[in-house]
Amino acid sequence: GLPVMDSVTHIVPLMVGDPVRAKKIS
């Protein structure tokens, strides 16, 4: 149920939508 973005290549992006939260998760 994680918000993985559509990708047809080797890149697997996971959408967060907020810079502070993205940094916090990292």
mmCIF file of all heavy atoms, coordinates in Angstrom:
data_MODEL
# 
_entry.id   MODEL 
# 
loop_
_atom_site.group_PDB 
_atom_site.id 
_atom_site.type_symbol 
_atom_site.label_atom_id 
_atom_site.label_alt_id 
_atom_site.label_comp_id 
_atom_site.label_asym_id 
_atom_site.label_entity_id 
_atom_site.label_seq_id 
_atom_site.pdbx_PDB_ins_code 
_atom_site.Cartn_x 
_atom_site.Cartn_y 
_atom_site.Cartn_z 
_atom_site.occupancy 
_atom_site.B_iso_or_equiv 
_atom_site.pdbx_formal_charge 
_atom_site.auth_seq_id 
_atom_site.auth_comp_id 
_atom_site.auth_asym_id 
_atom_site.auth_atom_id 
_atom_site.pdbx_PDB_model_num 
ATOM 1   N N   . GLY A 1 1  ? 0.789  -1.221 0.000   1.00 0.00 ? 1  GLY A N   1 
ATOM 2   C CA  . GLY A 1 1  ? 0.000  0.000  0.000   1.00 0.00 ? 1  GLY A CA  1 
ATOM 3   C C   . GLY A 1 1  ? 0.822  1.272  0.000   1.00 0.00 ? 1  GLY A C   1 
ATOM 4   O O   . GLY A 1 1  ? 0.285  2.369  0.197   1.00 0.00 ? 1  GLY A O   1 
ATOM 5   N N   . LEU A 1 2  ? 2.110  1.154  -0.227  1.00 0.00 ? 2  LEU A N   1 
ATOM 6   C CA  . LEU A 1 2  ? 2.969  2.334  -0.282  1.00 0.00 ? 2  LEU A CA  1 
ATOM 7   C C   . LEU A 1 2  ? 2.759  3.061  -1.614  1.00 0.00 ? 2  LEU A C   1 
ATOM 8   O O   . LEU A 1 2  ? 2.510  2.414  -2.641  1.00 0.00 ? 2  LEU A O   1 
ATOM 9   C CB  . LEU A 1 2  ? 4.431  1.926  -0.125  1.00 0.00 ? 2  LEU A CB  1 
ATOM 10  C CG  . LEU A 1 2  ? 4.817  1.397  1.263   1.00 0.00 ? 2  LEU A CG  1 
ATOM 11  C CD1 . LEU A 1 2  ? 6.148  0.657  1.209   1.00 0.00 ? 2  LEU A CD1 1 
ATOM 12  C CD2 . LEU A 1 2  ? 4.884  2.554  2.268   1.00 0.00 ? 2  LEU A CD2 1 
ATOM 13  N N   . PRO A 1 3  ? 2.855  4.385  -1.625  1.00 0.00 ? 3  PRO A N   1 
ATOM 14  C CA  . PRO A 1 3  ? 2.543  5.164  -2.833  1.00 0.00 ? 3  PRO A CA  1 
ATOM 15  C C   . PRO A 1 3  ? 3.664  5.140  -3.874  1.00 0.00 ? 3  PRO A C   1 
ATOM 16  O O   . PRO A 1 3  ? 4.271  6.167  -4.201  1.00 0.00 ? 3  PRO A O   1 
ATOM 17  C CB  . PRO A 1 3  ? 2.311  6.574  -2.287  1.00 0.00 ? 3  PRO A CB  1 
ATOM 18  C CG  . PRO A 1 3  ? 3.186  6.643  -1.077  1.00 0.00 ? 3  PRO A CG  1 
ATOM 19  C CD  . PRO A 1 3  ? 3.133  5.267  -0.467  1.00 0.00 ? 3  PRO A CD  1 
ATOM 20  N N   . VAL A 1 4  ? 3.946  3.971  -4.406  1.00 0.00 ? 4  VAL A N   1 
ATOM 21  C CA  . VAL A 1 4  ? 4.973  3.844  -5.437  1.00 0.00 ? 4  VAL A CA  1 
ATOM 22  C C   . VAL A 1 4  ? 4.437  4.434  -6.737  1.00 0.00 ? 4  VAL A C   1 
ATOM 23  O O   . VAL A 1 4  ? 3.300  4.184  -7.142  1.00 0.00 ? 4  VAL A O   1 
ATOM 24  C CB  . VAL A 1 4  ? 5.402  2.370  -5.619  1.00 0.00 ? 4  VAL A CB  1 
ATOM 25  C CG1 . VAL A 1 4  ? 4.227  1.488  -6.001  1.00 0.00 ? 4  VAL A CG1 1 
ATOM 26  C CG2 . VAL A 1 4  ? 6.531  2.254  -6.625  1.00 0.00 ? 4  VAL A CG2 1 
ATOM 27  N N   . MET A 1 5  ? 5.241  5.267  -7.367  1.00 0.00 ? 5  MET A N   1 
ATOM 28  C CA  . MET A 1 5  ? 4.827  5.930  -8.603  1.00 0.00 ? 5  MET A CA  1 
ATOM 29  C C   . MET A 1 5  ? 5.005  4.987  -9.788  1.00 0.00 ? 5  MET A C   1 
ATOM 30  O O   . MET A 1 5  ? 5.861  4.103  -9.780  1.00 0.00 ? 5  MET A O   1 
ATOM 31  C CB  . MET A 1 5  ? 5.657  7.194  -8.807  1.00 0.00 ? 5  MET A CB  1 
ATOM 32  C CG  . MET A 1 5  ? 5.517  8.207  -7.688  1.00 0.00 ? 5  MET A CG  1 
ATOM 33  S SD  . MET A 1 5  ? 6.732  9.559  -7.794  1.00 0.00 ? 5  MET A SD  1 
ATOM 34  C CE  . MET A 1 5  ? 6.248  10.347 -9.329  1.00 0.00 ? 5  MET A CE  1 
ATOM 35  N N   . ASP A 1 6  ? 4.200  5.185  -10.813 1.00 0.00 ? 6  ASP A N   1 
ATOM 36  C CA  . ASP A 1 6  ? 4.327  4.394  -12.028 1.00 0.00 ? 6  ASP A CA  1 
ATOM 37  C C   . ASP A 1 6  ? 5.705  4.616  -12.642 1.00 0.00 ? 6  ASP A C   1 
ATOM 38  O O   . ASP A 1 6  ? 6.164  5.751  -12.773 1.00 0.00 ? 6  ASP A O   1 
ATOM 39  C CB  . ASP A 1 6  ? 3.247  4.776  -13.046 1.00 0.00 ? 6  ASP A CB  1 
ATOM 40  C CG  . ASP A 1 6  ? 1.863  4.299  -12.631 1.00 0.00 ? 6  ASP A CG  1 
ATOM 41  O OD1 . ASP A 1 6  ? 1.788  3.340  -11.838 1.00 0.00 ? 6  ASP A OD1 1 
ATOM 42  O OD2 . ASP A 1 6  ? 0.874  4.892  -13.090 1.00 0.00 ? 6  ASP A OD2 1 
ATOM 43  N N   . SER A 1 7  ? 6.359  3.547  -13.024 1.00 0.00 ? 7  SER A N   1 
ATOM 44  C CA  . SER A 1 7  ? 7.677  3.639  -13.642 1.00 0.00 ? 7  SER A CA  1 
ATOM 45  C C   . SER A 1 7  ? 7.874  2.427  -14.533 1.00 0.00 ? 7  SER A C   1 
ATOM 46  O O   . SER A 1 7  ? 7.572  1.301  -14.132 1.00 0.00 ? 7  SER A O   1 
ATOM 47  C CB  . SER A 1 7  ? 8.770  3.683  -12.568 1.00 0.00 ? 7  SER A CB  1 
ATOM 48  O OG  . SER A 1 7  ? 10.044 3.416  -13.120 1.00 0.00 ? 7  SER A OG  1 
ATOM 49  N N   . VAL A 1 8  ? 8.367  2.667  -15.736 1.00 0.00 ? 8  VAL A N   1 
ATOM 50  C CA  . VAL A 1 8  ? 8.592  1.562  -16.672 1.00 0.00 ? 8  VAL A CA  1 
ATOM 51  C C   . VAL A 1 8  ? 10.072 1.222  -16.762 1.00 0.00 ? 8  VAL A C   1 
ATOM 52  O O   . VAL A 1 8  ? 10.486 0.468  -17.628 1.00 0.00 ? 8  VAL A O   1 
ATOM 53  C CB  . VAL A 1 8  ? 8.050  1.914  -18.077 1.00 0.00 ? 8  VAL A CB  1 
ATOM 54  C CG1 . VAL A 1 8  ? 6.549  2.075  -18.043 1.00 0.00 ? 8  VAL A CG1 1 
ATOM 55  C CG2 . VAL A 1 8  ? 8.726  3.166  -18.626 1.00 0.00 ? 8  VAL A CG2 1 
ATOM 56  N N   . THR A 1 9  ? 10.864 1.795  -15.854 1.00 0.00 ? 9  THR A N   1 
ATOM 57  C CA  . THR A 1 9  ? 12.303 1.563  -15.881 1.00 0.00 ? 9  THR A CA  1 
ATOM 58  C C   . THR A 1 9  ? 12.782 1.048  -14.533 1.00 0.00 ? 9  THR A C   1 
ATOM 59  O O   . THR A 1 9  ? 11.996 0.611  -13.700 1.00 0.00 ? 9  THR A O   1 
ATOM 60  C CB  . THR A 1 9  ? 13.051 2.866  -16.237 1.00 0.00 ? 9  THR A CB  1 
ATOM 61  O OG1 . THR A 1 9  ? 12.756 3.862  -15.240 1.00 0.00 ? 9  THR A OG1 1 
ATOM 62  C CG2 . THR A 1 9  ? 12.640 3.378  -17.606 1.00 0.00 ? 9  THR A CG2 1 
ATOM 63  N N   . HIS A 1 10 ? 14.090 1.131  -14.316 1.00 0.00 ? 10 HIS A N   1 
ATOM 64  C CA  . HIS A 1 10 ? 14.725 0.631  -13.097 1.00 0.00 ? 10 HIS A CA  1 
ATOM 65  C C   . HIS A 1 10 ? 14.551 1.573  -11.914 1.00 0.00 ? 10 HIS A C   1 
ATOM 66  O O   . HIS A 1 10 ? 14.906 1.218  -10.794 1.00 0.00 ? 10 HIS A O   1 
ATOM 67  C CB  . HIS A 1 10 ? 16.225 0.439  -13.353 1.00 0.00 ? 10 HIS A CB  1 
ATOM 68  C CG  . HIS A 1 10 ? 16.903 1.712  -13.781 1.00 0.00 ? 10 HIS A CG  1 
ATOM 69  N ND1 . HIS A 1 10 ? 16.782 2.215  -15.055 1.00 0.00 ? 10 HIS A ND1 1 
ATOM 70  C CD2 . HIS A 1 10 ? 17.682 2.594  -13.101 1.00 0.00 ? 10 HIS A CD2 1 
ATOM 71  C CE1 . HIS A 1 10 ? 17.473 3.351  -15.142 1.00 0.00 ? 10 HIS A CE1 1 
ATOM 72  N NE2 . HIS A 1 10 ? 18.018 3.597  -13.984 1.00 0.00 ? 10 HIS A NE2 1 
ATOM 73  N N   . ILE A 1 11 ? 14.021 2.759  -12.145 1.00 0.00 ? 11 ILE A N   1 
ATOM 74  C CA  . ILE A 1 11 ? 13.814 3.741  -11.077 1.00 0.00 ? 11 ILE A CA  1 
ATOM 75  C C   . ILE A 1 11 ? 12.536 3.402  -10.311 1.00 0.00 ? 11 ILE A C   1 
ATOM 76  O O   . ILE A 1 11 ? 11.490 3.150  -10.911 1.00 0.00 ? 11 ILE A O   1 
ATOM 77  C CB  . ILE A 1 11 ? 13.689 5.165  -11.654 1.00 0.00 ? 11 ILE A CB  1 
ATOM 78  C CG1 . ILE A 1 11 ? 14.878 5.493  -12.559 1.00 0.00 ? 11 ILE A CG1 1 
ATOM 79  C CG2 . ILE A 1 11 ? 13.542 6.185  -10.535 1.00 0.00 ? 11 ILE A CG2 1 
ATOM 80  C CD1 . ILE A 1 11 ? 16.201 5.591  -11.863 1.00 0.00 ? 11 ILE A CD1 1 
ATOM 81  N N   . VAL A 1 12 ? 12.619 3.406  -8.970  1.00 0.00 ? 12 VAL A N   1 
ATOM 82  C CA  . VAL A 1 12 ? 11.449 3.113  -8.136  1.00 0.00 ? 12 VAL A CA  1 
ATOM 83  C C   . VAL A 1 12 ? 11.202 4.305  -7.213  1.00 0.00 ? 12 VAL A C   1 
ATOM 84  O O   . VAL A 1 12 ? 11.755 4.400  -6.110  1.00 0.00 ? 12 VAL A O   1 
ATOM 85  C CB  . VAL A 1 12 ? 11.666 1.834  -7.303  1.00 0.00 ? 12 VAL A CB  1 
ATOM 86  C CG1 . VAL A 1 12 ? 10.389 1.493  -6.522  1.00 0.00 ? 12 VAL A CG1 1 
ATOM 87  C CG2 . VAL A 1 12 ? 12.075 0.663  -8.189  1.00 0.00 ? 12 VAL A CG2 1 
ATOM 88  N N   . PRO A 1 13 ? 10.373 5.273  -7.650  1.00 0.00 ? 13 PRO A N   1 
ATOM 89  C CA  . PRO A 1 13 ? 10.107 6.463  -6.830  1.00 0.00 ? 13 PRO A CA  1 
ATOM 90  C C   . PRO A 1 13 ? 8.904  6.249  -5.905  1.00 0.00 ? 13 PRO A C   1 
ATOM 91  O O   . PRO A 1 13 ? 7.893  5.671  -6.296  1.00 0.00 ? 13 PRO A O   1 
ATOM 92  C CB  . PRO A 1 13 ? 9.806  7.543  -7.875  1.00 0.00 ? 13 PRO A CB  1 
ATOM 93  C CG  . PRO A 1 13 ? 9.581  6.827  -9.179  1.00 0.00 ? 13 PRO A CG  1 
ATOM 94  C CD  . PRO A 1 13 ? 9.754  5.366  -8.970  1.00 0.00 ? 13 PRO A CD  1 
ATOM 95  N N   . LEU A 1 14 ? 9.055  6.736  -4.684  1.00 0.00 ? 14 LEU A N   1 
ATOM 96  C CA  . LEU A 1 14 ? 7.984  6.626  -3.687  1.00 0.00 ? 14 LEU A CA  1 
ATOM 97  C C   . LEU A 1 14 ? 7.556  8.052  -3.325  1.00 0.00 ? 14 LEU A C   1 
ATOM 98  O O   . LEU A 1 14 ? 8.336  8.830  -2.776  1.00 0.00 ? 14 LEU A O   1 
ATOM 99  C CB  . LEU A 1 14 ? 8.517  5.890  -2.454  1.00 0.00 ? 14 LEU A CB  1 
ATOM 100 C CG  . LEU A 1 14 ? 7.513  5.261  -1.500  1.00 0.00 ? 14 LEU A CG  1 
ATOM 101 C CD1 . LEU A 1 14 ? 6.644  4.230  -2.207  1.00 0.00 ? 14 LEU A CD1 1 
ATOM 102 C CD2 . LEU A 1 14 ? 8.244  4.618  -0.323  1.00 0.00 ? 14 LEU A CD2 1 
ATOM 103 N N   . MET A 1 15 ? 6.311  8.381  -3.654  1.00 0.00 ? 15 MET A N   1 
ATOM 104 C CA  . MET A 1 15 ? 5.829  9.745  -3.463  1.00 0.00 ? 15 MET A CA  1 
ATOM 105 C C   . MET A 1 15 ? 5.622  10.078 -1.985  1.00 0.00 ? 15 MET A C   1 
ATOM 106 O O   . MET A 1 15 ? 5.050  9.286  -1.229  1.00 0.00 ? 15 MET A O   1 
ATOM 107 C CB  . MET A 1 15 ? 4.509  9.944  -4.217  1.00 0.00 ? 15 MET A CB  1 
ATOM 108 C CG  . MET A 1 15 ? 3.902  11.323 -4.062  1.00 0.00 ? 15 MET A CG  1 
ATOM 109 S SD  . MET A 1 15 ? 4.988  12.652 -4.641  1.00 0.00 ? 15 MET A SD  1 
ATOM 110 C CE  . MET A 1 15 ? 4.911  12.413 -6.416  1.00 0.00 ? 15 MET A CE  1 
ATOM 111 N N   . VAL A 1 16 ? 6.101  11.259 -1.578  1.00 0.00 ? 16 VAL A N   1 
ATOM 112 C CA  . VAL A 1 16 ? 5.877  11.771 -0.224  1.00 0.00 ? 16 VAL A CA  1 
ATOM 113 C C   . VAL A 1 16 ? 5.077  13.072 -0.307  1.00 0.00 ? 16 VAL A C   1 
ATOM 114 O O   . VAL A 1 16 ? 4.093  13.263 0.385   1.00 0.00 ? 16 VAL A O   1 
ATOM 115 C CB  . VAL A 1 16 ? 7.211  11.983 0.524   1.00 0.00 ? 16 VAL A CB  1 
ATOM 116 C CG1 . VAL A 1 16 ? 6.944  12.564 1.917   1.00 0.00 ? 16 VAL A CG1 1 
ATOM 117 C CG2 . VAL A 1 16 ? 7.985  10.676 0.636   1.00 0.00 ? 16 VAL A CG2 1 
ATOM 118 N N   . GLY A 1 17 ? 5.542  13.998 -1.166  1.00 0.00 ? 17 GLY A N   1 
ATOM 119 C CA  . GLY A 1 17 ? 4.787  15.228 -1.395  1.00 0.00 ? 17 GLY A CA  1 
ATOM 120 C C   . GLY A 1 17 ? 5.075  16.357 -0.433  1.00 0.00 ? 17 GLY A C   1 
ATOM 121 O O   . GLY A 1 17 ? 4.403  17.389 -0.462  1.00 0.00 ? 17 GLY A O   1 
ATOM 122 N N   . ASP A 1 18 ? 6.073  16.174 0.428   1.00 0.00 ? 18 ASP A N   1 
ATOM 123 C CA  . ASP A 1 18 ? 6.425  17.209 1.395   1.00 0.00 ? 18 ASP A CA  1 
ATOM 124 C C   . ASP A 1 18 ? 7.915  17.093 1.711   1.00 0.00 ? 18 ASP A C   1 
ATOM 125 O O   . ASP A 1 18 ? 8.387  16.008 2.059   1.00 0.00 ? 18 ASP A O   1 
ATOM 126 C CB  . ASP A 1 18 ? 5.604  17.037 2.678   1.00 0.00 ? 18 ASP A CB  1 
ATOM 127 C CG  . ASP A 1 18 ? 5.989  18.036 3.756   1.00 0.00 ? 18 ASP A CG  1 
ATOM 128 O OD1 . ASP A 1 18 ? 5.518  19.182 3.684   1.00 0.00 ? 18 ASP A OD1 1 
ATOM 129 O OD2 . ASP A 1 18 ? 6.786  17.669 4.650   1.00 0.00 ? 18 ASP A OD2 1 
ATOM 130 N N   . PRO A 1 19 ? 8.681  18.187 1.603   1.00 0.00 ? 19 PRO A N   1 
ATOM 131 C CA  . PRO A 1 19 ? 10.130 18.088 1.786   1.00 0.00 ? 19 PRO A CA  1 
ATOM 132 C C   . PRO A 1 19 ? 10.548 17.729 3.208   1.00 0.00 ? 19 PRO A C   1 
ATOM 133 O O   . PRO A 1 19 ? 11.511 16.987 3.412   1.00 0.00 ? 19 PRO A O   1 
ATOM 134 C CB  . PRO A 1 19 ? 10.628 19.488 1.400   1.00 0.00 ? 19 PRO A CB  1 
ATOM 135 C CG  . PRO A 1 19 ? 9.457  20.391 1.587   1.00 0.00 ? 19 PRO A CG  1 
ATOM 136 C CD  . PRO A 1 19 ? 8.260  19.559 1.241   1.00 0.00 ? 19 PRO A CD  1 
ATOM 137 N N   . VAL A 1 20 ? 9.838  18.256 4.198   1.00 0.00 ? 20 VAL A N   1 
ATOM 138 C CA  . VAL A 1 20 ? 10.197 17.978 5.593   1.00 0.00 ? 20 VAL A CA  1 
ATOM 139 C C   . VAL A 1 20 ? 9.954  16.510 5.923   1.00 0.00 ? 20 VAL A C   1 
ATOM 140 O O   . VAL A 1 20 ? 10.799 15.845 6.540   1.00 0.00 ? 20 VAL A O   1 
ATOM 141 C CB  . VAL A 1 20 ? 9.400  18.901 6.545   1.00 0.00 ? 20 VAL A CB  1 
ATOM 142 C CG1 . VAL A 1 20 ? 9.685  18.534 7.995   1.00 0.00 ? 20 VAL A CG1 1 
ATOM 143 C CG2 . VAL A 1 20 ? 9.755  20.361 6.276   1.00 0.00 ? 20 VAL A CG2 1 
ATOM 144 N N   . ARG A 1 21 ? 8.821  15.999 5.481   1.00 0.00 ? 21 ARG A N   1 
ATOM 145 C CA  . ARG A 1 21 ? 8.529  14.589 5.739   1.00 0.00 ? 21 ARG A CA  1 
ATOM 146 C C   . ARG A 1 21 ? 9.479  13.665 4.976   1.00 0.00 ? 21 ARG A C   1 
ATOM 147 O O   . ARG A 1 21 ? 9.900  12.624 5.496   1.00 0.00 ? 21 ARG A O   1 
ATOM 148 C CB  . ARG A 1 21 ? 7.079  14.267 5.354   1.00 0.00 ? 21 ARG A CB  1 
ATOM 149 C CG  . ARG A 1 21 ? 6.082  14.626 6.440   1.00 0.00 ? 21 ARG A CG  1 
ATOM 150 C CD  . ARG A 1 21 ? 4.697  14.124 6.115   1.00 0.00 ? 21 ARG A CD  1 
ATOM 151 N NE  . ARG A 1 21 ? 3.830  14.143 7.273   1.00 0.00 ? 21 ARG A NE  1 
ATOM 152 C CZ  . ARG A 1 21 ? 2.558  13.768 7.262   1.00 0.00 ? 21 ARG A CZ  1 
ATOM 153 N NH1 . ARG A 1 21 ? 2.014  13.351 6.130   1.00 0.00 ? 21 ARG A NH1 1 
ATOM 154 N NH2 . ARG A 1 21 ? 1.831  13.798 8.365   1.00 0.00 ? 21 ARG A NH2 1 
ATOM 155 N N   . ALA A 1 22 ? 9.804  14.041 3.748   1.00 0.00 ? 22 ALA A N   1 
ATOM 156 C CA  . ALA A 1 22 ? 10.731 13.222 2.966   1.00 0.00 ? 22 ALA A CA  1 
ATOM 157 C C   . ALA A 1 22 ? 12.069 13.094 3.679   1.00 0.00 ? 22 ALA A C   1 
ATOM 158 O O   . ALA A 1 22 ? 12.659 12.007 3.767   1.00 0.00 ? 22 ALA A O   1 
ATOM 159 C CB  . ALA A 1 22 ? 10.917 13.815 1.572   1.00 0.00 ? 22 ALA A CB  1 
ATOM 160 N N   . LYS A 1 23 ? 12.558 14.220 4.211   1.00 0.00 ? 23 LYS A N   1 
ATOM 161 C CA  . LYS A 1 23 ? 13.820 14.206 4.953   1.00 0.00 ? 23 LYS A CA  1 
ATOM 162 C C   . LYS A 1 23 ? 13.683 13.405 6.244   1.00 0.00 ? 23 LYS A C   1 
ATOM 163 O O   . LYS A 1 23 ? 14.586 12.639 6.639   1.00 0.00 ? 23 LYS A O   1 
ATOM 164 C CB  . LYS A 1 23 ? 14.244 15.641 5.273   1.00 0.00 ? 23 LYS A CB  1 
ATOM 165 C CG  . LYS A 1 23 ? 15.524 15.768 6.083   1.00 0.00 ? 23 LYS A CG  1 
ATOM 166 C CD  . LYS A 1 23 ? 16.728 15.287 5.296   1.00 0.00 ? 23 LYS A CD  1 
ATOM 167 C CE  . LYS A 1 23 ? 18.048 15.690 5.974   1.00 0.00 ? 23 LYS A CE  1 
ATOM 168 N NZ  . LYS A 1 23 ? 18.228 15.125 7.311   1.00 0.00 ? 23 LYS A NZ  1 
ATOM 169 N N   . LYS A 1 24 ? 12.549 13.547 6.914   1.00 0.00 ? 24 LYS A N   1 
ATOM 170 C CA  . LYS A 1 24 ? 12.332 12.838 8.171   1.00 0.00 ? 24 LYS A CA  1 
ATOM 171 C C   . LYS A 1 24 ? 12.303 11.325 7.952   1.00 0.00 ? 24 LYS A C   1 
ATOM 172 O O   . LYS A 1 24 ? 12.895 10.564 8.721   1.00 0.00 ? 24 LYS A O   1 
ATOM 173 C CB  . LYS A 1 24 ? 11.013 13.309 8.812   1.00 0.00 ? 24 LYS A CB  1 
ATOM 174 C CG  . LYS A 1 24 ? 10.766 12.765 10.210  1.00 0.00 ? 24 LYS A CG  1 
ATOM 175 C CD  . LYS A 1 24 ? 9.516  13.381 10.827  1.00 0.00 ? 24 LYS A CD  1 
ATOM 176 C CE  . LYS A 1 24 ? 9.732  14.851 11.149  1.00 0.00 ? 24 LYS A CE  1 
ATOM 177 N NZ  . LYS A 1 24 ? 8.575  15.425 11.886  1.00 0.00 ? 24 LYS A NZ  1 
ATOM 178 N N   . ILE A 1 25 ? 11.623 10.888 6.898   1.00 0.00 ? 25 ILE A N   1 
ATOM 179 C CA  . ILE A 1 25 ? 11.570 9.448  6.587   1.00 0.00 ? 25 ILE A CA  1 
ATOM 180 C C   . ILE A 1 25 ? 12.963 8.923  6.303   1.00 0.00 ? 25 ILE A C   1 
ATOM 181 O O   . ILE A 1 25 ? 13.366 7.849  6.781   1.00 0.00 ? 25 ILE A O   1 
ATOM 182 C CB  . ILE A 1 25 ? 10.637 9.184  5.389   1.00 0.00 ? 25 ILE A CB  1 
ATOM 183 C CG1 . ILE A 1 25 ? 9.198  9.544  5.747   1.00 0.00 ? 25 ILE A CG1 1 
ATOM 184 C CG2 . ILE A 1 25 ? 10.721 7.716  4.947   1.00 0.00 ? 25 ILE A CG2 1 
ATOM 185 C CD1 . ILE A 1 25 ? 8.257  9.607  4.552   1.00 0.00 ? 25 ILE A CD1 1 
ATOM 186 N N   . SER A 1 26 ? 13.732 9.686  5.523   1.00 0.00 ? 26 SER A N   1 
ATOM 187 C CA  . SER A 1 26 ? 15.104 9.297  5.208   1.00 0.00 ? 26 SER A CA  1 
ATOM 188 C C   . SER A 1 26 ? 15.940 9.182  6.482   1.00 0.00 ? 26 SER A C   1 
ATOM 189 O O   . SER A 1 26 ? 16.717 8.223  6.646   1.00 0.00 ? 26 SER A O   1 
ATOM 190 C CB  . SER A 1 26 ? 15.720 10.312 4.251   1.00 0.00 ? 26 SER A CB  1 
ATOM 191 O OG  . SER A 1 26 ? 17.080 10.060 4.040   1.00 0.00 ? 26 SER A OG  1 
# 
